[in-house]
Amino acid sequence: MITNGNSSSNDPDFICDPVIVVHGGAWKIPSDIHEHSALGVRDAAVTGHRVLKNGGSCIDAVVKAVEALEDNPYFDAGHGSVLNEAGEVEMHALVMRGDTCDMGGCLCVKHVKNPVKAARLILDESHHCLLSGEAALTLARQHGLEERPLEYFITDESRKEMKDYKNYSASIHELFDSQDGHDTVGAVALDCHGNLACATSTGGINAQKVGRISDSPIGGSGGFADNNSIAVSTTGHGESIMKVNLARMISMYVEHGMSPQQATMKSLNHMKARVGGSGGAISVDGSGRVGVHFTTQNMSWARVGGKFQNETTYSNDCVQFGTDCTNFRTEKI
């Protein structure tokens, strides 16, 4: 039996207290949107935790949390996605469940209001792990997912970023420590039944080539979930994340005895040292232990439940959130 040592329900299926962790992307967050970014992840974490508290699955919770971030124009996912070189939006998302290790991902999808819901459909209704473009859109339409015209996804901020764009071939360090939108969003969760799940969604990198594939929808890179180890969602320079299979690397370190925090830190530091890539990740294991780390200047994050490596107790009655790891806030929920 999996337990994080704090379960108190009379429900025989309840074996641990739920945990959710959310991120809003690793980059240099401009000062004028710090608060929007922090409050956005706070609200998404509380939304996802509400699902868990009511007995919902970890899959439902991460999809609901990421959906909230996709609807928020301050994040590079869904409404607010950055523009590719043709001035269009191509979105990517992943959902993975830890009990079976099944996954669903969509690549370069357009018009679907919430790409994470398309990824969930692929997970639930397709025999495939990944569908791209028209194939993903067709499945979404068959199941009545909400659509929006192109203009819905494009914000004044994304237009400004495209106008100010100088050189996509800038160094990785400059790219992710600049104040350009690269804020992939994601969530990981442990539900009261002891199952893990992750979800990740992105609009990609500003001025990317048409048809570029992000790391975000790829299992083992943009996210990973396995009840035998951990659930992870990553963010940062996608090409670097794919080169080292960042999410799977974090899970492997946990399988070899590291805590989620140790594994997340070690993997991100390895990525930066080995391929020069900056980024961030969130993680949670079946015991409710949480990892949050990034090698960029900022990453907005929030969590409800669980505990960090240096904590001795679990808490499900408050949300912690912030844009760095030393100056964060705690609020009752």
C-alpha atoms as a PDB file:
ATOM      1  CA  MET A   1       0.000   0.000   0.000  1.00  0.00           C
ATOM      2  CA  ILE A   2       1.225   3.482  -0.906  1.00  0.00           C
ATOM      3  CA  THR A   3       0.844   6.052   1.850  1.00  0.00           C
ATOM      4  CA  ASN A   4       2.335   9.435   2.559  1.00  0.00           C
ATOM      5  CA  GLY A   5       1.671   9.035   6.245  1.00  0.00           C
ATOM      6  CA  ASN A   6      -1.240  11.433   6.572  1.00  0.00           C
ATOM      7  CA  SER A   7      -4.348   9.709   5.239  1.00  0.00           C
ATOM      8  CA  SER A   8      -7.422   9.892   7.409  1.00  0.00           C
ATOM      9  CA  SER A   9     -10.389   9.088   5.184  1.00  0.00           C
ATOM     10  CA  ASN A  10     -12.819   6.267   6.020  1.00  0.00           C
ATOM     11  CA  ASP A  11     -12.985   5.441   2.307  1.00  0.00           C
ATOM     12  CA  PRO A  12     -11.263   2.050   1.851  1.00  0.00           C
ATOM     13  CA  ASP A  13      -9.998   3.218  -1.565  1.00  0.00           C
ATOM     14  CA  PHE A  14      -8.314   6.249   0.027  1.00  0.00           C
ATOM     15  CA  ILE A  15      -4.683   5.355   0.609  1.00  0.00           C
ATOM     16  CA  CYS A  16      -2.906   8.736   0.616  1.00  0.00           C
ATOM     17  CA  ASP A  17      -3.487  12.462   0.713  1.00  0.00           C
ATOM     18  CA  PRO A  18      -3.527  14.055  -2.756  1.00  0.00           C
ATOM     19  CA  VAL A  19      -0.809  16.350  -4.083  1.00  0.00           C
ATOM     20  CA  ILE A  20      -0.647  18.663  -7.072  1.00  0.00           C
ATOM     21  CA  VAL A  21       2.260  20.758  -8.365  1.00  0.00           C
ATOM     22  CA  VAL A  22       1.952  23.241 -11.251  1.00  0.00           C
ATOM     23  CA  HIS A  23       4.462  25.287 -13.251  1.00  0.00           C
ATOM     24  CA  GLY A  24       4.037  28.213 -15.612  1.00  0.00           C
ATOM     25  CA  GLY A  25       7.366  27.972 -17.409  1.00  0.00           C
ATOM     26  CA  ALA A  26      11.064  28.552 -16.795  1.00  0.00           C
ATOM     27  CA  TRP A  27      12.407  31.843 -18.166  1.00  0.00           C
ATOM     28  CA  LYS A  28      13.156  35.420 -17.149  1.00  0.00           C
ATOM     29  CA  ILE A  29       9.681  36.617 -16.236  1.00  0.00           C
ATOM     30  CA  PRO A  30       9.257  40.351 -16.932  1.00  0.00           C
ATOM     31  CA  SER A  31       8.592  42.375 -13.789  1.00  0.00           C
ATOM     32  CA  ASP A  32       5.231  43.632 -15.038  1.00  0.00           C
ATOM     33  CA  ILE A  33       3.777  40.108 -15.235  1.00  0.00           C
ATOM     34  CA  HIS A  34       5.411  38.499 -12.178  1.00  0.00           C
ATOM     35  CA  GLU A  35       2.223  38.806 -10.170  1.00  0.00           C
ATOM     36  CA  HIS A  36       0.004  37.578 -12.996  1.00  0.00           C
ATOM     37  CA  SER A  37       2.244  34.556 -13.451  1.00  0.00           C
ATOM     38  CA  ALA A  38       2.328  33.750  -9.721  1.00  0.00           C
ATOM     39  CA  LEU A  39      -1.429  34.122  -9.288  1.00  0.00           C
ATOM     40  CA  GLY A  40      -2.070  32.118 -12.439  1.00  0.00           C
ATOM     41  CA  VAL A  41      -0.232  29.048 -11.184  1.00  0.00           C
ATOM     42  CA  ARG A  42      -1.784  29.484  -7.740  1.00  0.00           C
ATOM     43  CA  ASP A  43      -5.285  29.403  -9.180  1.00  0.00           C
ATOM     44  CA  ALA A  44      -4.469  26.448 -11.434  1.00  0.00           C
ATOM     45  CA  ALA A  45      -3.085  24.424  -8.515  1.00  0.00           C
ATOM     46  CA  VAL A  46      -6.137  25.144  -6.377  1.00  0.00           C
ATOM     47  CA  THR A  47      -8.412  24.199  -9.288  1.00  0.00           C
ATOM     48  CA  GLY A  48      -6.600  20.893  -9.771  1.00  0.00           C
ATOM     49  CA  HIS A  49      -6.524  20.144  -6.052  1.00  0.00           C
ATOM     50  CA  ARG A  50     -10.271  20.669  -5.827  1.00  0.00           C
ATOM     51  CA  VAL A  51     -10.664  17.775  -8.273  1.00  0.00           C
ATOM     52  CA  LEU A  52      -8.408  15.577  -6.127  1.00  0.00           C
ATOM     53  CA  LYS A  53     -10.095  16.573  -2.867  1.00  0.00           C
ATOM     54  CA  ASN A  54     -13.438  15.489  -4.284  1.00  0.00           C
ATOM     55  CA  GLY A  55     -12.045  12.058  -5.110  1.00  0.00           C
ATOM     56  CA  GLY A  56     -11.203  12.755  -8.755  1.00  0.00           C
ATOM     57  CA  SER A  57      -8.343  11.098 -10.580  1.00  0.00           C
ATOM     58  CA  CYS A  58      -4.865  12.537 -10.985  1.00  0.00           C
ATOM     59  CA  ILE A  59      -5.489  12.604 -14.749  1.00  0.00           C
ATOM     60  CA  ASP A  60      -8.599  14.753 -14.345  1.00  0.00           C
ATOM     61  CA  ALA A  61      -6.683  17.025 -11.965  1.00  0.00           C
ATOM     62  CA  VAL A  62      -3.650  17.712 -14.178  1.00  0.00           C
ATOM     63  CA  VAL A  63      -5.846  18.280 -17.231  1.00  0.00           C
ATOM     64  CA  LYS A  64      -8.028  20.724 -15.303  1.00  0.00           C
ATOM     65  CA  ALA A  65      -5.010  22.613 -13.952  1.00  0.00           C
ATOM     66  CA  VAL A  66      -3.325  22.884 -17.358  1.00  0.00           C
ATOM     67  CA  GLU A  67      -6.620  23.857 -18.968  1.00  0.00           C
ATOM     68  CA  ALA A  68      -6.757  26.831 -16.589  1.00  0.00           C
ATOM     69  CA  LEU A  69      -3.259  27.873 -17.650  1.00  0.00           C
ATOM     70  CA  GLU A  70      -4.099  27.475 -21.345  1.00  0.00           C
ATOM     71  CA  ASP A  71      -7.020  29.868 -20.835  1.00  0.00           C
ATOM     72  CA  ASN A  72      -4.759  32.438 -19.167  1.00  0.00           C
ATOM     73  CA  PRO A  73      -3.159  34.852 -21.692  1.00  0.00           C
ATOM     74  CA  TYR A  74      -0.087  35.341 -19.473  1.00  0.00           C
ATOM     75  CA  PHE A  75       1.225  31.867 -20.370  1.00  0.00           C
ATOM     76  CA  ASP A  76       2.619  30.441 -23.600  1.00  0.00           C
ATOM     77  CA  ALA A  77      -0.024  27.757 -24.087  1.00  0.00           C
ATOM     78  CA  GLY A  78      -3.453  27.914 -25.655  1.00  0.00           C
ATOM     79  CA  HIS A  79      -4.670  31.512 -25.484  1.00  0.00           C
ATOM     80  CA  GLY A  80      -1.371  33.416 -25.307  1.00  0.00           C
ATOM     81  CA  SER A  81       0.771  31.073 -27.406  1.00  0.00           C
ATOM     82  CA  VAL A  82       3.751  32.663 -29.134  1.00  0.00           C
ATOM     83  CA  LEU A  83       3.894  32.953 -32.919  1.00  0.00           C
ATOM     84  CA  ASN A  84       5.923  30.888 -35.346  1.00  0.00           C
ATOM     85  CA  GLU A  85       7.876  32.396 -38.244  1.00  0.00           C
ATOM     86  CA  ALA A  86       4.686  32.564 -40.337  1.00  0.00           C
ATOM     87  CA  GLY A  87       2.848  34.512 -37.638  1.00  0.00           C
ATOM     88  CA  GLU A  88       0.651  31.536 -36.738  1.00  0.00           C
ATOM     89  CA  VAL A  89       0.120  29.425 -33.641  1.00  0.00           C
ATOM     90  CA  GLU A  90       1.034  25.725 -33.460  1.00  0.00           C
ATOM     91  CA  MET A  91       0.389  24.088 -30.089  1.00  0.00           C
ATOM     92  CA  HIS A  92       1.587  20.892 -28.402  1.00  0.00           C
ATOM     93  CA  ALA A  93       0.419  18.962 -25.330  1.00  0.00           C
ATOM     94  CA  LEU A  94       0.915  15.705 -23.442  1.00  0.00           C
ATOM     95  CA  VAL A  95      -1.025  13.727 -20.837  1.00  0.00           C
ATOM     96  CA  MET A  96       0.493  10.591 -19.276  1.00  0.00           C
ATOM     97  CA  ARG A  97      -0.893   8.280 -16.594  1.00  0.00           C
ATOM     98  CA  GLY A  98       1.315   6.455 -14.142  1.00  0.00           C
ATOM     99  CA  ASP A  99      -0.749   3.334 -13.497  1.00  0.00           C
ATOM    100  CA  THR A 100      -0.448   2.017 -17.068  1.00  0.00           C
ATOM    101  CA  CYS A 101       2.201   4.381 -18.522  1.00  0.00           C
ATOM    102  CA  ASP A 102      -0.207   5.130 -21.368  1.00  0.00           C
ATOM    103  CA  MET A 103       0.167   8.563 -22.923  1.00  0.00           C
ATOM    104  CA  GLY A 104      -1.483  10.871 -25.413  1.00  0.00           C
ATOM    105  CA  GLY A 105       0.146  13.784 -27.172  1.00  0.00           C
ATOM    106  CA  CYS A 106      -0.804  16.252 -29.889  1.00  0.00           C
ATOM    107  CA  LEU A 107       1.670  18.013 -32.172  1.00  0.00           C
ATOM    108  CA  CYS A 108       1.295  21.278 -34.089  1.00  0.00           C
ATOM    109  CA  VAL A 109      -2.429  21.446 -33.414  1.00  0.00           C
ATOM    110  CA  LYS A 110      -4.444  24.530 -34.351  1.00  0.00           C
ATOM    111  CA  HIS A 111      -7.858  25.899 -33.391  1.00  0.00           C
ATOM    112  CA  VAL A 112      -8.465  23.547 -30.442  1.00  0.00           C
ATOM    113  CA  LYS A 113      -9.144  25.851 -27.494  1.00  0.00           C
ATOM    114  CA  ASN A 114      -7.432  23.538 -25.007  1.00  0.00           C
ATOM    115  CA  PRO A 115      -4.723  21.323 -26.532  1.00  0.00           C
ATOM    116  CA  VAL A 116      -4.372  19.415 -23.245  1.00  0.00           C
ATOM    117  CA  LYS A 117      -7.932  18.135 -23.756  1.00  0.00           C
ATOM    118  CA  ALA A 118      -6.960  16.943 -27.237  1.00  0.00           C
ATOM    119  CA  ALA A 119      -4.006  15.101 -25.696  1.00  0.00           C
ATOM    120  CA  ARG A 120      -6.373  13.539 -23.159  1.00  0.00           C
ATOM    121  CA  LEU A 121      -8.612  12.382 -26.014  1.00  0.00           C
ATOM    122  CA  ILE A 122      -5.660  10.757 -27.754  1.00  0.00           C
ATOM    123  CA  LEU A 123      -4.799   9.021 -24.483  1.00  0.00           C
ATOM    124  CA  ASP A 124      -8.357   7.750 -23.971  1.00  0.00           C
ATOM    125  CA  GLU A 125      -9.711   7.236 -27.481  1.00  0.00           C
ATOM    126  CA  SER A 126      -6.753   6.393 -29.731  1.00  0.00           C
ATOM    127  CA  HIS A 127      -4.480   3.396 -30.080  1.00  0.00           C
ATOM    128  CA  HIS A 128      -1.635   5.815 -30.817  1.00  0.00           C
ATOM    129  CA  CYS A 129       0.521   7.868 -28.471  1.00  0.00           C
ATOM    130  CA  LEU A 130       0.946  10.914 -30.716  1.00  0.00           C
ATOM    131  CA  LEU A 131      -1.190  12.584 -33.375  1.00  0.00           C
ATOM    132  CA  SER A 132      -0.163  15.670 -35.322  1.00  0.00           C
ATOM    133  CA  GLY A 133      -1.923  18.538 -37.039  1.00  0.00           C
ATOM    134  CA  GLU A 134      -5.049  17.545 -38.925  1.00  0.00           C
ATOM    135  CA  ALA A 135      -5.235  14.085 -37.351  1.00  0.00           C
ATOM    136  CA  ALA A 136      -5.386  15.582 -33.858  1.00  0.00           C
ATOM    137  CA  LEU A 137      -7.876  18.232 -34.981  1.00  0.00           C
ATOM    138  CA  THR A 138     -10.097  15.607 -36.624  1.00  0.00           C
ATOM    139  CA  LEU A 139     -10.252  13.542 -33.432  1.00  0.00           C
ATOM    140  CA  ALA A 140     -10.984  16.676 -31.413  1.00  0.00           C
ATOM    141  CA  ARG A 141     -13.855  17.553 -33.740  1.00  0.00           C
ATOM    142  CA  GLN A 142     -15.266  14.028 -33.572  1.00  0.00           C
ATOM    143  CA  HIS A 143     -15.555  14.454 -29.807  1.00  0.00           C
ATOM    144  CA  GLY A 144     -16.831  18.021 -29.880  1.00  0.00           C
ATOM    145  CA  LEU A 145     -13.895  19.837 -28.313  1.00  0.00           C
ATOM    146  CA  GLU A 146     -14.208  23.599 -28.333  1.00  0.00           C
ATOM    147  CA  GLU A 147     -12.507  25.426 -31.189  1.00  0.00           C
ATOM    148  CA  ARG A 148     -11.478  29.030 -31.633  1.00  0.00           C
ATOM    149  CA  PRO A 149     -10.359  31.111 -34.621  1.00  0.00           C
ATOM    150  CA  LEU A 150      -6.660  31.874 -34.939  1.00  0.00           C
ATOM    151  CA  GLU A 151      -7.172  35.379 -33.569  1.00  0.00           C
ATOM    152  CA  TYR A 152      -8.290  33.997 -30.206  1.00  0.00           C
ATOM    153  CA  PHE A 153      -4.862  32.529 -29.469  1.00  0.00           C
ATOM    154  CA  ILE A 154      -2.857  35.611 -30.473  1.00  0.00           C
ATOM    155  CA  THR A 155      -2.407  38.299 -27.826  1.00  0.00           C
ATOM    156  CA  ASP A 156      -0.963  41.796 -28.032  1.00  0.00           C
ATOM    157  CA  GLU A 157       2.028  40.478 -26.075  1.00  0.00           C
ATOM    158  CA  SER A 158       2.749  37.700 -28.582  1.00  0.00           C
ATOM    159  CA  ARG A 159       2.520  40.211 -31.429  1.00  0.00           C
ATOM    160  CA  LYS A 160       4.964  42.491 -29.616  1.00  0.00           C
ATOM    161  CA  GLU A 161       7.375  39.608 -28.986  1.00  0.00           C
ATOM    162  CA  MET A 162       7.304  38.738 -32.677  1.00  0.00           C
ATOM    163  CA  LYS A 163       7.923  42.351 -33.633  1.00  0.00           C
ATOM    164  CA  ASP A 164      10.819  42.663 -31.214  1.00  0.00           C
ATOM    165  CA  TYR A 165      12.286  39.336 -32.207  1.00  0.00           C
ATOM    166  CA  LYS A 166      15.895  39.635 -33.319  1.00  0.00           C
ATOM    167  CA  ASN A 167      17.628  36.321 -33.817  1.00  0.00           C
ATOM    168  CA  TYR A 168      16.304  32.830 -33.115  1.00  0.00           C
ATOM    169  CA  SER A 169      19.848  31.467 -33.377  1.00  0.00           C
ATOM    170  CA  ALA A 170      20.892  33.335 -30.221  1.00  0.00           C
ATOM    171  CA  SER A 171      22.555  31.220 -27.590  1.00  0.00           C
ATOM    172  CA  ILE A 172      20.328  29.051 -25.418  1.00  0.00           C
ATOM    173  CA  HIS A 173      21.373  31.022 -22.325  1.00  0.00           C
ATOM    174  CA  GLU A 174      20.364  34.302 -23.973  1.00  0.00           C
ATOM    175  CA  LEU A 175      17.120  32.830 -25.258  1.00  0.00           C
ATOM    176  CA  PHE A 176      15.798  31.621 -21.929  1.00  0.00           C
ATOM    177  CA  ASP A 177      17.171  34.444 -19.833  1.00  0.00           C
ATOM    178  CA  SER A 178      15.627  37.002 -22.156  1.00  0.00           C
ATOM    179  CA  GLN A 179      12.185  38.427 -21.537  1.00  0.00           C
ATOM    180  CA  ASP A 180      10.568  36.612 -24.430  1.00  0.00           C
ATOM    181  CA  GLY A 181       7.729  34.164 -23.893  1.00  0.00           C
ATOM    182  CA  HIS A 182       8.924  30.601 -23.494  1.00  0.00           C
ATOM    183  CA  ASP A 183       6.686  29.662 -20.599  1.00  0.00           C
ATOM    184  CA  THR A 184       5.495  26.113 -21.236  1.00  0.00           C
ATOM    185  CA  VAL A 185       2.948  25.080 -18.600  1.00  0.00           C
ATOM    186  CA  GLY A 186       2.487  21.802 -16.778  1.00  0.00           C
ATOM    187  CA  ALA A 187       1.129  19.910 -13.793  1.00  0.00           C
ATOM    188  CA  VAL A 188       1.837  16.693 -11.890  1.00  0.00           C
ATOM    189  CA  ALA A 189      -0.442  15.034  -9.373  1.00  0.00           C
ATOM    190  CA  LEU A 190      -0.820  12.177  -6.905  1.00  0.00           C
ATOM    191  CA  ASP A 191      -4.426  11.221  -6.216  1.00  0.00           C
ATOM    192  CA  CYS A 192      -5.958   9.601  -3.153  1.00  0.00           C
ATOM    193  CA  HIS A 193      -5.792   6.195  -4.843  1.00  0.00           C
ATOM    194  CA  GLY A 194      -2.005   6.392  -5.113  1.00  0.00           C
ATOM    195  CA  ASN A 195      -1.864   7.042  -8.854  1.00  0.00           C
ATOM    196  CA  LEU A 196       0.377   9.564 -10.596  1.00  0.00           C
ATOM    197  CA  ALA A 197      -0.132  11.641 -13.753  1.00  0.00           C
ATOM    198  CA  CYS A 198       1.452  14.532 -15.643  1.00  0.00           C
ATOM    199  CA  ALA A 199       0.334  17.035 -18.259  1.00  0.00           C
ATOM    200  CA  THR A 200       2.376  19.567 -20.242  1.00  0.00           C
ATOM    201  CA  SER A 201       1.287  22.152 -22.834  1.00  0.00           C
ATOM    202  CA  THR A 202       3.036  24.815 -24.892  1.00  0.00           C
ATOM    203  CA  GLY A 203       2.802  27.215 -27.784  1.00  0.00           C
ATOM    204  CA  GLY A 204       6.483  26.671 -28.480  1.00  0.00           C
ATOM    205  CA  ILE A 205       9.286  29.181 -28.974  1.00  0.00           C
ATOM    206  CA  ASN A 206       8.846  32.623 -30.505  1.00  0.00           C
ATOM    207  CA  ALA A 207       9.522  32.662 -34.275  1.00  0.00           C
ATOM    208  CA  GLN A 208      10.119  28.902 -34.433  1.00  0.00           C
ATOM    209  CA  LYS A 209      10.097  27.167 -37.803  1.00  0.00           C
ATOM    210  CA  VAL A 210       6.689  26.100 -39.082  1.00  0.00           C
ATOM    211  CA  GLY A 211       6.263  22.475 -38.079  1.00  0.00           C
ATOM    212  CA  ARG A 212       8.868  22.503 -35.296  1.00  0.00           C
ATOM    213  CA  ILE A 213       8.117  19.792 -32.752  1.00  0.00           C
ATOM    214  CA  SER A 214       8.413  20.779 -29.114  1.00  0.00           C
ATOM    215  CA  ASP A 215       9.619  18.461 -26.370  1.00  0.00           C
ATOM    216  CA  SER A 216       6.353  19.059 -24.516  1.00  0.00           C
ATOM    217  CA  PRO A 217       4.203  16.316 -26.140  1.00  0.00           C
ATOM    218  CA  ILE A 218       6.947  13.682 -26.059  1.00  0.00           C
ATOM    219  CA  GLY A 219       6.884  11.169 -23.225  1.00  0.00           C
ATOM    220  CA  GLY A 220      10.201  11.076 -21.393  1.00  0.00           C
ATOM    221  CA  SER A 221      11.086  14.605 -22.481  1.00  0.00           C
ATOM    222  CA  GLY A 222       8.235  17.024 -21.806  1.00  0.00           C
ATOM    223  CA  GLY A 223       6.706  14.781 -19.180  1.00  0.00           C
ATOM    224  CA  PHE A 224       6.709  11.327 -17.659  1.00  0.00           C
ATOM    225  CA  ALA A 225       4.543   9.432 -15.185  1.00  0.00           C
ATOM    226  CA  ASP A 226       5.010   5.983 -13.680  1.00  0.00           C
ATOM    227  CA  ASN A 227       3.511   4.806 -10.394  1.00  0.00           C
ATOM    228  CA  ASN A 228       6.739   2.902  -9.788  1.00  0.00           C
ATOM    229  CA  SER A 229       8.791   6.106  -9.699  1.00  0.00           C
ATOM    230  CA  ILE A 230       7.468   9.624 -10.237  1.00  0.00           C
ATOM    231  CA  ALA A 231       5.428  12.113 -12.266  1.00  0.00           C
ATOM    232  CA  VAL A 232       7.363  14.924 -13.974  1.00  0.00           C
ATOM    233  CA  SER A 233       6.578  17.946 -16.150  1.00  0.00           C
ATOM    234  CA  THR A 234       9.438  19.892 -17.718  1.00  0.00           C
ATOM    235  CA  THR A 235       9.921  23.326 -19.261  1.00  0.00           C
ATOM    236  CA  GLY A 236      12.741  25.166 -20.971  1.00  0.00           C
ATOM    237  CA  HIS A 237      14.734  24.776 -24.183  1.00  0.00           C
ATOM    238  CA  GLY A 238      12.949  21.921 -25.913  1.00  0.00           C
ATOM    239  CA  GLU A 239      15.840  20.741 -28.051  1.00  0.00           C
ATOM    240  CA  SER A 240      18.055  20.404 -24.967  1.00  0.00           C
ATOM    241  CA  ILE A 241      15.298  18.610 -23.051  1.00  0.00           C
ATOM    242  CA  MET A 242      14.926  16.112 -25.896  1.00  0.00           C
ATOM    243  CA  LYS A 243      18.682  15.524 -26.131  1.00  0.00           C
ATOM    244  CA  VAL A 244      18.897  14.329 -22.523  1.00  0.00           C
ATOM    245  CA  ASN A 245      15.337  12.950 -22.139  1.00  0.00           C
ATOM    246  CA  LEU A 246      14.991  15.179 -19.101  1.00  0.00           C
ATOM    247  CA  ALA A 247      11.750  13.829 -17.615  1.00  0.00           C
ATOM    248  CA  ARG A 248      12.877  10.216 -17.896  1.00  0.00           C
ATOM    249  CA  MET A 249      16.271  11.103 -16.441  1.00  0.00           C
ATOM    250  CA  ILE A 250      14.603  12.547 -13.361  1.00  0.00           C
ATOM    251  CA  SER A 251      12.508   9.407 -12.939  1.00  0.00           C
ATOM    252  CA  MET A 252      15.559   7.158 -13.312  1.00  0.00           C
ATOM    253  CA  TYR A 253      17.372   8.975 -10.517  1.00  0.00           C
ATOM    254  CA  VAL A 254      14.334   8.479  -8.286  1.00  0.00           C
ATOM    255  CA  GLU A 255      14.275   4.789  -9.163  1.00  0.00           C
ATOM    256  CA  HIS A 256      17.906   4.648  -8.006  1.00  0.00           C
ATOM    257  CA  GLY A 257      17.062   6.108  -4.604  1.00  0.00           C
ATOM    258  CA  MET A 258      17.153   9.895  -4.941  1.00  0.00           C
ATOM    259  CA  SER A 259      14.380  12.130  -3.634  1.00  0.00           C
ATOM    260  CA  PRO A 260      12.336  14.021  -6.251  1.00  0.00           C
ATOM    261  CA  GLN A 261      14.101  17.265  -5.333  1.00  0.00           C
ATOM    262  CA  GLN A 262      17.572  15.718  -5.618  1.00  0.00           C
ATOM    263  CA  ALA A 263      16.703  14.032  -8.905  1.00  0.00           C
ATOM    264  CA  THR A 264      15.169  17.173 -10.400  1.00  0.00           C
ATOM    265  CA  MET A 265      18.169  19.310  -9.456  1.00  0.00           C
ATOM    266  CA  LYS A 266      20.743  16.780 -10.643  1.00  0.00           C
ATOM    267  CA  SER A 267      19.053  16.277 -14.007  1.00  0.00           C
ATOM    268  CA  LEU A 268      18.649  19.983 -14.741  1.00  0.00           C
ATOM    269  CA  ASN A 269      22.249  20.658 -13.774  1.00  0.00           C
ATOM    270  CA  HIS A 270      23.358  17.815 -16.035  1.00  0.00           C
ATOM    271  CA  MET A 271      21.368  19.235 -18.949  1.00  0.00           C
ATOM    272  CA  LYS A 272      22.971  22.628 -18.527  1.00  0.00           C
ATOM    273  CA  ALA A 273      26.480  21.218 -18.203  1.00  0.00           C
ATOM    274  CA  ARG A 274      26.183  18.626 -20.971  1.00  0.00           C
ATOM    275  CA  VAL A 275      24.230  20.426 -23.717  1.00  0.00           C
ATOM    276  CA  GLY A 276      24.023  24.017 -22.461  1.00  0.00           C
ATOM    277  CA  GLY A 277      20.270  23.966 -21.978  1.00  0.00           C
ATOM    278  CA  SER A 278      18.375  25.955 -19.357  1.00  0.00           C
ATOM    279  CA  GLY A 279      15.011  24.899 -17.995  1.00  0.00           C
ATOM    280  CA  GLY A 280      12.963  23.731 -15.067  1.00  0.00           C
ATOM    281  CA  ALA A 281      10.867  20.835 -13.825  1.00  0.00           C
ATOM    282  CA  ILE A 282       8.314  19.840 -11.210  1.00  0.00           C
ATOM    283  CA  SER A 283       7.865  16.343  -9.810  1.00  0.00           C
ATOM    284  CA  VAL A 284       5.993  14.280  -7.239  1.00  0.00           C
ATOM    285  CA  ASP A 285       6.350  10.642  -6.211  1.00  0.00           C
ATOM    286  CA  GLY A 286       3.939   8.109  -4.734  1.00  0.00           C
ATOM    287  CA  SER A 287       4.872   9.123  -1.194  1.00  0.00           C
ATOM    288  CA  GLY A 288       3.916  12.753  -1.833  1.00  0.00           C
ATOM    289  CA  ARG A 289       7.490  14.022  -1.960  1.00  0.00           C
ATOM    290  CA  VAL A 290       7.791  17.077  -4.219  1.00  0.00           C
ATOM    291  CA  GLY A 291      10.565  18.448  -6.417  1.00  0.00           C
ATOM    292  CA  VAL A 292      10.734  21.982  -7.868  1.00  0.00           C
ATOM    293  CA  HIS A 293      13.893  23.342  -9.524  1.00  0.00           C
ATOM    294  CA  PHE A 294      14.999  25.520 -12.441  1.00  0.00           C
ATOM    295  CA  THR A 295      18.237  26.833 -13.952  1.00  0.00           C
ATOM    296  CA  THR A 296      16.676  29.956 -15.488  1.00  0.00           C
ATOM    297  CA  GLN A 297      16.168  33.205 -13.593  1.00  0.00           C
ATOM    298  CA  ASN A 298      12.539  32.428 -12.780  1.00  0.00           C
ATOM    299  CA  MET A 299       9.869  29.755 -12.948  1.00  0.00           C
ATOM    300  CA  SER A 300       6.354  30.306 -11.681  1.00  0.00           C
ATOM    301  CA  TRP A 301       5.177  27.315  -9.638  1.00  0.00           C
ATOM    302  CA  ALA A 302       2.579  26.318  -7.084  1.00  0.00           C
ATOM    303  CA  ARG A 303       1.747  23.263  -5.024  1.00  0.00           C
ATOM    304  CA  VAL A 304      -0.978  21.993  -2.730  1.00  0.00           C
ATOM    305  CA  GLY A 305      -0.122  19.057  -0.503  1.00  0.00           C
ATOM    306  CA  GLY A 306       2.989  16.944  -0.342  1.00  0.00           C
ATOM    307  CA  LYS A 307       6.293  17.959   1.148  1.00  0.00           C
ATOM    308  CA  PHE A 308       9.708  19.139   0.056  1.00  0.00           C
ATOM    309  CA  GLN A 309      12.851  17.264   1.016  1.00  0.00           C
ATOM    310  CA  ASN A 310      13.536  19.424   4.081  1.00  0.00           C
ATOM    311  CA  GLU A 311       9.969  19.260   5.408  1.00  0.00           C
ATOM    312  CA  THR A 312       8.710  16.770   7.966  1.00  0.00           C
ATOM    313  CA  THR A 313       4.944  17.165   7.627  1.00  0.00           C
ATOM    314  CA  TYR A 314       2.372  17.140   4.844  1.00  0.00           C
ATOM    315  CA  SER A 315      -0.193  19.879   4.373  1.00  0.00           C
ATOM    316  CA  ASN A 316      -3.334  19.901   2.249  1.00  0.00           C
ATOM    317  CA  ASP A 317      -4.974  23.057   3.571  1.00  0.00           C
ATOM    318  CA  CYS A 318      -2.752  25.669   1.912  1.00  0.00           C
ATOM    319  CA  VAL A 319      -1.196  26.559  -1.425  1.00  0.00           C
ATOM    320  CA  GLN A 320       2.422  27.648  -1.834  1.00  0.00           C
ATOM    321  CA  PHE A 321       3.321  29.644  -4.932  1.00  0.00           C
ATOM    322  CA  GLY A 322       5.889  32.023  -6.360  1.00  0.00           C
ATOM    323  CA  THR A 323       8.327  32.738  -9.192  1.00  0.00           C
ATOM    324  CA  ASP A 324      11.478  31.579  -7.421  1.00  0.00           C
ATOM    325  CA  CYS A 325      12.328  29.008  -4.763  1.00  0.00           C
ATOM    326  CA  THR A 326      13.258  31.318  -1.907  1.00  0.00           C
ATOM    327  CA  ASN A 327      10.625  34.059  -1.982  1.00  0.00           C
ATOM    328  CA  PHE A 328       7.252  32.323  -2.170  1.00  0.00           C
ATOM    329  CA  ARG A 329       3.901  32.802  -0.498  1.00  0.00           C
ATOM    330  CA  THR A 330       1.611  30.484   1.444  1.00  0.00           C
ATOM    331  CA  GLU A 331      -2.168  30.957   1.539  1.00  0.00           C
ATOM    332  CA  LYS A 332      -4.957  28.968   3.163  1.00  0.00           C
ATOM    333  CA  ILE A 333      -7.431  27.386   0.777  1.00  0.00           C
END
